[in-house]
Amino acid sequence: MTLKAVLFDMDGTLVDSESVHFNIWNDILAPFGVHYDEATFCQRFSGRPTLEAAKEVVENYQLTISPQALTDAKYTAFGHFVSANLPALMPHAKDVLEQVKKSGLKMALVTGSAKDEAYPILKGYGIFDWFDCIVTKDDVKNPKPAGEPYQLALKSLNINADEAIAVEDTFTGVTAANNADVSVFAVPNHFTVEHDFSKAAAVMANLQEVFKWVQTKL
């Protein structure tokens, strides 16, 4: 393949934000008497669209709030929190982003998060402008696991699917890349290590391992 771009997921791939998502969810659900332990919540909901998660929670616990209202509350609370409390970057994240940028490859962020969730993190770490393209769930009609976010990124970068690779940490993300015919490398974290990555091109231990493979294509 002729590699022209690397397309990165954000939550759990570049940013260790799953715990933040978990805590925000529990804060929002507390008035309804609902509580999840972290391992159960992250294994069940990591990588899934927020509205989809909200629908399941509302249905399972027969909550009096609508899934959309619950989703909106979660987006707002998360955005406010990360504006003042940046979640940690994943191991090697900033170094790898810098290495990809210096390599001359195009670079995109393709996230299932809303703009109000993603932008404060990217700007807080000073990496917002490093990406040639940023696609959030607000930019598409059908977010991950649909292929539309990746298709939009490819269109924005003016490249073909076989000229890019995706980097993801969840089954949902791998499925989204597959649905756009983009080869995807999975880098599981401790919340997603048991996800089904059989459709990934490879499973890597960390982001630096991904970049070592990228170097072989330069």
Protein backbone atom coordinates (compact mmCIF):
# COMPACT_ATOMS: atom_id res chain seq x y z
CA MET A 1 0.00 0.00 0.00
CA THR A 2 0.99 3.63 -0.46
CA LEU A 3 0.41 5.15 2.96
CA LYS A 4 -0.67 8.78 2.94
CA ALA A 5 -2.48 9.26 6.25
CA VAL A 6 -2.99 7.97 9.77
CA LEU A 7 -6.46 8.38 11.26
CA PHE A 8 -6.58 8.34 15.06
CA ASP A 9 -9.44 7.69 17.43
CA MET A 10 -9.30 9.84 20.59
CA ASP A 11 -10.89 8.36 23.72
CA GLY A 12 -8.86 5.41 24.99
CA THR A 13 -6.49 5.67 22.03
CA LEU A 14 -4.81 9.06 22.42
CA VAL A 15 -6.39 10.16 25.70
CA ASP A 16 -6.98 8.13 28.85
CA SER A 17 -10.49 9.49 29.21
CA GLU A 18 -12.58 6.38 29.81
CA SER A 19 -12.44 6.89 33.58
CA VAL A 20 -13.60 10.47 33.13
CA HIS A 21 -16.54 9.35 31.01
CA PHE A 22 -17.37 6.76 33.69
CA ASN A 23 -17.31 9.28 36.55
CA ILE A 24 -19.41 11.80 34.63
CA TRP A 25 -21.99 9.13 33.84
CA ASN A 26 -22.22 8.09 37.50
CA ASP A 27 -22.59 11.73 38.59
CA ILE A 28 -25.47 12.20 36.14
CA LEU A 29 -27.14 8.91 37.05
CA ALA A 30 -26.79 9.32 40.84
CA PRO A 31 -30.06 11.30 41.23
CA PHE A 32 -31.84 8.34 39.64
CA GLY A 33 -30.29 5.85 42.06
CA VAL A 34 -28.18 4.21 39.34
CA HIS A 35 -24.52 3.35 39.87
CA TYR A 36 -22.02 1.34 37.82
CA ASP A 37 -18.64 0.01 38.89
CA GLU A 38 -15.87 1.18 36.59
CA ALA A 39 -14.87 -2.17 35.09
CA THR A 40 -18.45 -3.13 34.24
CA PHE A 41 -19.31 0.25 32.79
CA CYS A 42 -16.21 0.58 30.62
CA GLN A 43 -16.40 -2.99 29.35
CA ARG A 44 -20.06 -2.47 28.43
CA PHE A 45 -20.01 1.07 27.04
CA SER A 46 -16.44 1.94 25.94
CA GLY A 47 -16.50 3.08 22.35
CA ARG A 48 -20.28 2.99 22.01
CA PRO A 49 -22.17 6.13 20.97
CA THR A 50 -23.37 8.12 23.98
CA LEU A 51 -26.98 8.16 22.81
CA GLU A 52 -26.92 4.39 22.38
CA ALA A 53 -25.59 3.99 25.91
CA ALA A 54 -28.21 6.40 27.23
CA LYS A 55 -31.02 4.47 25.55
CA GLU A 56 -29.85 1.25 27.18
CA VAL A 57 -29.55 2.81 30.63
CA VAL A 58 -32.98 4.49 30.41
CA GLU A 59 -34.58 1.24 29.26
CA ASN A 60 -32.84 -1.00 31.79
CA TYR A 61 -33.66 1.21 34.76
CA GLN A 62 -36.95 2.67 33.50
CA LEU A 63 -35.67 6.21 34.06
CA THR A 64 -37.98 9.21 33.82
CA ILE A 65 -35.50 11.19 31.70
CA SER A 66 -35.34 10.81 27.91
CA PRO A 67 -32.22 9.26 26.34
CA GLN A 68 -31.55 12.50 24.43
CA ALA A 69 -31.82 14.64 27.57
CA LEU A 70 -29.47 12.25 29.37
CA THR A 71 -27.06 12.40 26.45
CA ASP A 72 -27.12 16.20 26.35
CA ALA A 73 -26.47 16.39 30.08
CA LYS A 74 -23.51 14.05 29.74
CA TYR A 75 -21.96 16.04 26.87
CA THR A 76 -22.31 19.29 28.80
CA ALA A 77 -20.88 17.90 32.03
CA PHE A 78 -17.94 16.23 30.28
CA GLY A 79 -17.07 19.37 28.32
CA HIS A 80 -17.12 21.51 31.45
CA PHE A 81 -14.99 19.03 33.38
CA VAL A 82 -12.22 18.55 30.82
CA SER A 83 -11.96 22.29 30.21
CA ALA A 84 -10.39 22.52 33.65
CA ASN A 85 -9.20 18.95 34.23
CA LEU A 86 -7.40 17.42 31.27
CA PRO A 87 -7.39 13.60 31.26
CA ALA A 88 -3.95 12.06 30.87
CA LEU A 89 -2.58 11.23 27.45
CA MET A 90 -2.10 7.57 26.62
CA PRO A 91 1.50 6.26 26.60
CA HIS A 92 3.55 7.63 23.67
CA ALA A 93 0.54 9.58 22.33
CA LYS A 94 2.11 13.01 21.95
CA ASP A 95 5.44 11.63 20.71
CA VAL A 96 3.74 9.46 18.10
CA LEU A 97 1.53 12.31 16.89
CA GLU A 98 4.61 14.47 16.53
CA GLN A 99 6.49 11.71 14.69
CA VAL A 100 3.61 11.14 12.27
CA LYS A 101 3.37 14.88 11.63
CA LYS A 102 7.11 15.16 10.98
CA SER A 103 6.98 12.17 8.62
CA GLY A 104 4.93 14.18 6.13
CA LEU A 105 1.89 11.94 6.39
CA LYS A 106 -1.53 13.50 6.73
CA MET A 107 -3.15 13.06 10.10
CA ALA A 108 -6.80 13.04 11.15
CA LEU A 109 -8.74 12.64 14.36
CA VAL A 110 -11.91 10.56 14.01
CA THR A 111 -13.81 10.45 17.28
CA GLY A 112 -17.20 9.36 18.52
CA SER A 113 -17.15 12.22 21.01
CA ALA A 114 -19.00 15.48 20.51
CA LYS A 115 -17.13 18.68 19.64
CA ASP A 116 -17.76 20.04 23.12
CA GLU A 117 -16.04 16.97 24.54
CA ALA A 118 -13.13 16.63 22.11
CA TYR A 119 -12.10 20.22 21.40
CA PRO A 120 -11.25 21.23 25.02
CA ILE A 121 -8.91 18.23 25.30
CA LEU A 122 -7.19 18.79 21.96
CA LYS A 123 -6.77 22.52 22.57
CA GLY A 124 -5.74 21.96 26.18
CA TYR A 125 -2.82 19.82 25.04
CA GLY A 126 -1.99 22.15 22.16
CA ILE A 127 -2.51 19.47 19.52
CA PHE A 128 -5.72 20.70 17.91
CA ASP A 129 -3.87 22.26 14.97
CA TRP A 130 -1.70 19.19 14.43
CA PHE A 131 -4.55 17.43 12.66
CA ASP A 132 -5.30 18.04 9.00
CA CYS A 133 -8.88 16.97 9.67
CA ILE A 134 -11.02 16.49 12.78
CA VAL A 135 -14.27 14.52 12.60
CA THR A 136 -16.54 14.35 15.65
CA LYS A 137 -19.91 12.72 16.08
CA ASP A 138 -21.47 16.15 15.44
CA ASP A 139 -20.09 16.17 11.91
CA VAL A 140 -21.93 13.07 10.72
CA LYS A 141 -25.44 11.71 10.62
CA ASN A 142 -24.32 8.19 11.52
CA PRO A 143 -21.45 8.04 14.04
CA LYS A 144 -19.31 5.01 14.85
CA PRO A 145 -19.77 2.06 14.41
CA ALA A 146 -21.00 3.31 11.03
CA GLY A 147 -18.26 4.01 8.53
CA GLU A 148 -19.42 7.58 7.86
CA PRO A 149 -16.91 9.31 10.19
CA TYR A 150 -14.00 7.62 8.44
CA GLN A 151 -15.51 8.23 5.02
CA LEU A 152 -15.77 11.93 5.83
CA ALA A 153 -12.15 12.02 6.99
CA LEU A 154 -10.99 10.36 3.76
CA LYS A 155 -13.00 12.84 1.70
CA SER A 156 -11.61 15.79 3.67
CA LEU A 157 -8.04 14.55 3.19
CA ASN A 158 -8.72 13.77 -0.49
CA ILE A 159 -7.36 10.23 -0.22
CA ASN A 160 -8.64 6.71 -0.84
CA ALA A 161 -9.39 4.15 1.86
CA ASP A 162 -6.39 2.02 0.86
CA GLU A 163 -4.07 4.99 1.39
CA ALA A 164 -4.80 5.29 5.12
CA ILE A 165 -4.75 3.32 8.33
CA ALA A 166 -6.89 3.84 11.42
CA VAL A 167 -5.85 3.42 15.04
CA GLU A 168 -8.59 2.36 17.46
CA ASP A 169 -9.00 0.85 20.93
CA THR A 170 -12.52 -0.64 20.84
CA PHE A 171 -14.63 -3.10 18.88
CA THR A 172 -16.89 -0.19 17.90
CA GLY A 173 -13.98 1.75 16.46
CA VAL A 174 -12.57 -1.22 14.58
CA THR A 175 -16.02 -1.86 13.11
CA ALA A 176 -16.31 1.77 11.98
CA ALA A 177 -12.97 1.64 10.16
CA ASN A 178 -13.88 -1.71 8.60
CA ASN A 179 -17.16 -0.24 7.39
CA ALA A 180 -15.17 2.43 5.55
CA ASP A 181 -12.74 -0.15 4.12
CA VAL A 182 -9.85 1.35 6.10
CA SER A 183 -7.24 -1.00 7.54
CA VAL A 184 -7.27 -0.61 11.30
CA PHE A 185 -4.72 -1.29 14.02
CA ALA A 186 -6.13 -1.99 17.47
CA VAL A 187 -4.32 -0.75 20.56
CA PRO A 188 -6.39 -2.06 23.48
CA ASN A 189 -6.33 -0.44 26.90
CA HIS A 190 -7.13 -2.19 30.17
CA PHE A 191 -10.85 -1.48 29.71
CA THR A 192 -11.04 -2.92 26.19
CA VAL A 193 -8.50 -5.73 26.23
CA GLU A 194 -11.31 -8.30 26.01
CA HIS A 195 -13.03 -6.67 23.01
CA ASP A 196 -13.25 -8.60 19.76
CA PHE A 197 -10.40 -7.35 17.55
CA SER A 198 -10.52 -10.21 15.07
CA LYS A 199 -11.35 -7.79 12.24
CA ALA A 200 -8.34 -5.56 12.93
CA ALA A 201 -5.31 -5.76 10.64
CA ALA A 202 -3.18 -6.20 13.76
CA VAL A 203 -3.32 -5.73 17.52
CA MET A 204 -0.46 -3.63 18.89
CA ALA A 205 0.77 -3.23 22.45
CA ASN A 206 1.00 0.57 22.25
CA LEU A 207 1.07 3.53 19.90
CA GLN A 208 4.84 3.38 19.47
CA GLU A 209 4.45 -0.10 17.97
CA VAL A 210 2.01 1.33 15.45
CA PHE A 211 4.49 4.02 14.45
CA LYS A 212 7.24 1.42 14.00
CA TRP A 213 4.98 -0.24 11.42
CA VAL A 214 4.24 3.14 9.83
CA GLN A 215 7.97 3.73 9.40
CA THR A 216 8.21 0.62 7.23
CA LYS A 217 5.79 2.28 4.78
CA LEU A 218 7.55 5.63 4.50
